[in-house]
Amino acid sequence: MLIALALSATSLVAQTPTPGPHPGADPVAIANRAARAYQQLNAFGAEFKQLIQDSMIGDYESKGHLVQAGTAKLAMRFTDPNGDAVVMDGQRLWVYTPSTTPGQVIRMGIPSGPKFGFSVLAWLLDRPAERYHITYVKSDKAGGRVADVIRLEPLDADLPFDRAVLWLDQVDALPRRLEIRERRGTYRTLTFTEVQPNPKLTPDTFRFDLPSGVRIVDQ
């Protein structure tokens, strides 16, 4: 699957709109356009910053590089905290966080539902019109790009979040920011910069190499 989203830098500058009122925006059409753009990629790559806000533990910030291909392959490799990683290799999910739990890595099966910070993009952009009540919020900037902001409220009350807000680029329709409010009150924000449609993949992209001396904890 491949859509040629490559535009010259000059063309992108020329086409980039400025934020402003967008009273005629159709939020369902915007969501469906983003879903098509995302699903037709072989992979999505970006630098990310993540903010987790929890009333019990406070705020937690992190950043790194993300690559995702479909719903079963993901690599989040952190530069802050350096060395942390979340990797889905197509068969297993590996969660390695030496910054908080040194000496171990959690290994589990590929999640079948949304796991925030993991495959959330693939989940939100899979048939959004069927799964969410969608409303238009505003036109805004995210990651230096002008985006349409839409709010998604799940129709399935069993999902572990009650609201997601997406910033979708007005030129290429790809996500530049997302905010999720989980039902237990935690907020998660991911901001994407240096977005790469169809980045070059190698055999190492979605492979987790077990560090020496680290034990595997199966869940």
Protein backbone atom coordinates (compact mmCIF):
# COMPACT_ATOMS: atom_id res chain seq x y z
CA MET A 1 0.00 0.00 0.00
CA LEU A 2 1.44 3.33 -0.91
CA ILE A 3 0.18 6.84 -1.57
CA ALA A 4 2.78 9.22 -2.89
CA LEU A 5 2.52 12.00 -0.34
CA ALA A 6 5.89 13.44 -1.22
CA LEU A 7 5.68 17.10 -2.14
CA SER A 8 8.58 19.43 -2.66
CA ALA A 9 9.39 21.80 0.19
CA THR A 10 8.51 24.74 -2.03
CA SER A 11 5.13 23.22 -2.88
CA LEU A 12 4.36 22.56 0.77
CA VAL A 13 5.12 26.15 1.73
CA ALA A 14 2.96 27.43 -1.08
CA GLN A 15 0.01 25.25 -0.08
CA THR A 16 0.22 25.68 3.68
CA PRO A 17 -2.87 27.58 4.86
CA THR A 18 -3.06 29.87 7.85
CA PRO A 19 -5.27 29.10 10.84
CA GLY A 20 -8.64 30.74 10.91
CA PRO A 21 -12.37 30.14 11.20
CA HIS A 22 -13.59 27.13 9.27
CA PRO A 23 -17.38 27.27 9.71
CA GLY A 24 -18.16 24.97 6.78
CA ALA A 25 -15.82 22.17 7.85
CA ASP A 26 -17.28 18.66 7.73
CA PRO A 27 -15.68 16.76 10.65
CA VAL A 28 -16.68 13.34 9.33
CA ALA A 29 -15.16 14.09 5.92
CA ILE A 30 -11.98 15.34 7.61
CA ALA A 31 -11.74 12.18 9.74
CA ASN A 32 -12.37 9.90 6.74
CA ARG A 33 -9.74 11.73 4.68
CA ALA A 34 -7.21 11.28 7.48
CA ALA A 35 -8.12 7.60 7.80
CA ARG A 36 -7.56 7.04 4.07
CA ALA A 37 -4.24 8.91 4.09
CA TYR A 38 -2.98 6.99 7.13
CA GLN A 39 -4.17 3.54 6.08
CA GLN A 40 -2.64 3.84 2.62
CA LEU A 41 0.83 4.31 4.09
CA ASN A 42 3.28 1.46 4.46
CA ALA A 43 4.45 3.14 7.66
CA PHE A 44 4.24 6.39 9.61
CA GLY A 45 7.33 7.87 11.22
CA ALA A 46 7.85 10.96 13.38
CA GLU A 47 9.65 12.52 16.27
CA PHE A 48 7.29 12.64 19.24
CA LYS A 49 6.81 14.37 22.55
CA GLN A 50 4.49 12.76 25.07
CA LEU A 51 2.86 14.30 28.12
CA ILE A 52 0.96 12.19 30.64
CA GLN A 53 -1.08 14.08 33.22
CA ASP A 54 -2.42 12.10 36.16
CA SER A 55 -3.91 13.61 39.30
CA MET A 56 -2.35 10.83 41.42
CA ILE A 57 1.23 10.81 40.09
CA GLY A 58 1.52 14.26 38.49
CA ASP A 59 2.90 15.07 35.05
CA TYR A 60 5.34 12.88 33.11
CA GLU A 61 7.08 14.05 29.93
CA SER A 62 9.03 11.98 27.43
CA LYS A 63 10.21 12.15 23.83
CA GLY A 64 11.77 10.05 21.10
CA HIS A 65 11.21 8.58 17.65
CA LEU A 66 8.15 6.60 16.55
CA VAL A 67 7.55 4.31 13.59
CA GLN A 68 4.27 2.46 13.07
CA ALA A 69 3.18 0.03 10.35
CA GLY A 70 -0.39 -1.23 10.56
CA THR A 71 -1.81 -2.30 13.91
CA ALA A 72 0.80 -4.91 14.88
CA LYS A 73 4.13 -3.20 14.30
CA LEU A 74 5.30 -0.22 16.29
CA ALA A 75 8.59 1.10 17.60
CA MET A 76 8.70 3.91 20.17
CA ARG A 77 12.34 4.43 21.05
CA PHE A 78 12.83 7.10 23.69
CA THR A 79 15.64 9.60 23.89
CA ASP A 80 14.21 11.00 27.14
CA PRO A 81 14.27 8.87 29.21
CA ASN A 82 17.11 7.55 27.11
CA GLY A 83 17.00 3.82 26.40
CA ASP A 84 13.33 3.20 27.15
CA ALA A 85 11.45 1.44 24.35
CA VAL A 86 8.04 0.09 23.40
CA VAL A 87 8.21 -2.32 20.47
CA MET A 88 5.51 -4.36 18.74
CA ASP A 89 7.23 -6.79 16.39
CA GLY A 90 4.13 -8.28 14.78
CA GLN A 91 3.87 -11.11 17.31
CA ARG A 92 4.79 -9.68 20.70
CA LEU A 93 4.68 -6.39 22.56
CA TRP A 94 7.87 -5.51 24.45
CA VAL A 95 7.84 -2.77 27.10
CA TYR A 96 11.36 -1.91 28.28
CA THR A 97 11.64 0.91 30.80
CA PRO A 98 15.04 0.80 32.53
CA SER A 99 14.42 4.35 33.73
CA THR A 100 11.76 3.09 36.16
CA THR A 101 12.08 -0.73 36.27
CA PRO A 102 15.70 -1.66 35.48
CA GLY A 103 16.70 -5.24 34.79
CA GLN A 104 13.47 -6.44 33.19
CA VAL A 105 11.34 -6.22 30.06
CA ILE A 106 7.62 -6.98 29.90
CA ARG A 107 6.58 -9.28 27.06
CA MET A 108 2.97 -9.86 26.08
CA GLY A 109 0.77 -10.69 23.12
CA ILE A 110 -0.24 -8.03 20.63
CA PRO A 111 -3.12 -6.05 22.16
CA SER A 112 -6.46 -6.47 20.41
CA GLY A 113 -7.77 -3.06 21.50
CA PRO A 114 -6.44 0.46 21.95
CA LYS A 115 -3.35 0.71 24.13
CA PHE A 116 -2.51 4.36 24.50
CA GLY A 117 1.02 5.32 23.65
CA PHE A 118 1.15 2.10 21.63
CA SER A 119 -1.14 1.55 18.64
CA VAL A 120 -3.49 4.43 19.36
CA LEU A 121 -3.10 6.10 15.96
CA ALA A 122 -3.99 2.96 14.06
CA TRP A 123 -7.00 2.48 16.32
CA LEU A 124 -8.35 6.04 16.07
CA LEU A 125 -7.94 6.18 12.29
CA ASP A 126 -9.64 2.85 11.60
CA ARG A 127 -13.23 3.50 10.43
CA PRO A 128 -13.63 6.61 12.60
CA ALA A 129 -17.09 7.49 11.25
CA GLU A 130 -18.38 4.09 12.43
CA ARG A 131 -16.78 4.19 15.87
CA TYR A 132 -17.07 7.78 17.06
CA HIS A 133 -19.28 10.80 17.29
CA ILE A 134 -17.12 13.40 15.52
CA THR A 135 -17.27 17.16 15.93
CA TYR A 136 -15.20 20.00 14.50
CA VAL A 137 -13.30 22.06 17.08
CA LYS A 138 -11.21 24.66 15.24
CA SER A 139 -8.37 25.37 12.85
CA ASP A 140 -5.05 25.51 14.70
CA LYS A 141 -1.30 24.96 14.42
CA ALA A 142 0.56 21.87 15.65
CA GLY A 143 4.20 21.05 15.06
CA GLY A 144 4.50 24.15 12.90
CA ARG A 145 1.69 22.94 10.60
CA VAL A 146 -1.86 24.19 10.14
CA ALA A 147 -4.38 21.55 11.14
CA ASP A 148 -8.08 20.87 11.44
CA VAL A 149 -8.89 19.91 15.02
CA ILE A 150 -11.65 17.34 15.53
CA ARG A 151 -13.01 15.66 18.64
CA LEU A 152 -13.85 11.93 18.69
CA GLU A 153 -16.17 10.51 21.33
CA PRO A 154 -16.47 6.70 21.23
CA LEU A 155 -19.83 5.11 20.60
CA ASP A 156 -18.67 2.03 22.52
CA ALA A 157 -18.82 2.78 26.24
CA ASP A 158 -16.45 -0.11 26.96
CA LEU A 159 -13.48 1.66 25.43
CA PRO A 160 -11.05 2.95 28.07
CA PHE A 161 -11.29 6.59 26.95
CA ASP A 162 -14.18 8.99 26.58
CA ARG A 163 -12.62 11.62 24.32
CA ALA A 164 -9.84 11.99 21.78
CA VAL A 165 -8.88 15.23 20.04
CA LEU A 166 -6.87 15.03 16.80
CA TRP A 167 -4.94 17.74 14.97
CA LEU A 168 -4.99 16.66 11.29
CA ASP A 169 -2.76 18.43 8.80
CA GLN A 170 -4.77 20.44 6.27
CA VAL A 171 -2.32 19.53 3.46
CA ASP A 172 -1.49 15.83 3.86
CA ALA A 173 -4.26 14.90 6.37
CA LEU A 174 -1.79 13.11 8.65
CA PRO A 175 -1.91 13.56 12.45
CA ARG A 176 0.30 16.17 14.07
CA ARG A 177 -1.06 16.00 17.61
CA LEU A 178 -3.52 13.99 19.67
CA GLU A 179 -4.98 14.34 23.15
CA ILE A 180 -6.75 11.50 24.91
CA ARG A 181 -8.81 11.62 28.08
CA GLU A 182 -9.02 8.19 29.67
CA ARG A 183 -12.08 7.28 31.69
CA ARG A 184 -10.07 7.16 34.92
CA GLY A 185 -9.06 10.79 34.42
CA THR A 186 -5.57 10.52 32.93
CA TYR A 187 -4.75 12.81 30.00
CA ARG A 188 -2.21 11.82 27.34
CA THR A 189 -0.88 14.17 24.68
CA LEU A 190 1.34 13.18 21.75
CA THR A 191 2.81 15.83 19.45
CA PHE A 192 4.47 14.77 16.18
CA THR A 193 7.15 16.67 14.29
CA GLU A 194 9.38 15.74 11.34
CA VAL A 195 6.59 13.47 10.11
CA GLN A 196 7.79 10.91 7.55
CA PRO A 197 5.20 9.20 5.34
CA ASN A 198 6.59 5.78 4.39
CA PRO A 199 9.97 5.98 6.12
CA LYS A 200 12.58 3.44 5.08
CA LEU A 201 12.16 0.26 7.11
CA THR A 202 14.94 -2.19 7.96
CA PRO A 203 14.87 -5.62 9.64
CA ASP A 204 15.83 -3.83 12.88
CA THR A 205 12.99 -1.28 12.82
CA PHE A 206 10.51 -3.43 14.73
CA ARG A 207 12.93 -5.79 16.45
CA PHE A 208 13.60 -5.71 20.17
CA ASP A 209 17.05 -6.97 21.08
CA LEU A 210 17.14 -8.23 24.64
CA PRO A 211 19.93 -6.46 26.56
CA SER A 212 22.39 -8.65 28.43
CA GLY A 213 21.29 -9.48 31.95
CA VAL A 214 17.69 -8.33 31.45
CA ARG A 215 15.01 -10.83 32.45
CA ILE A 216 11.74 -11.32 30.57
CA VAL A 217 8.48 -10.91 32.48
CA ASP A 218 5.61 -12.52 30.57
CA GLN A 219 2.14 -11.09 30.96
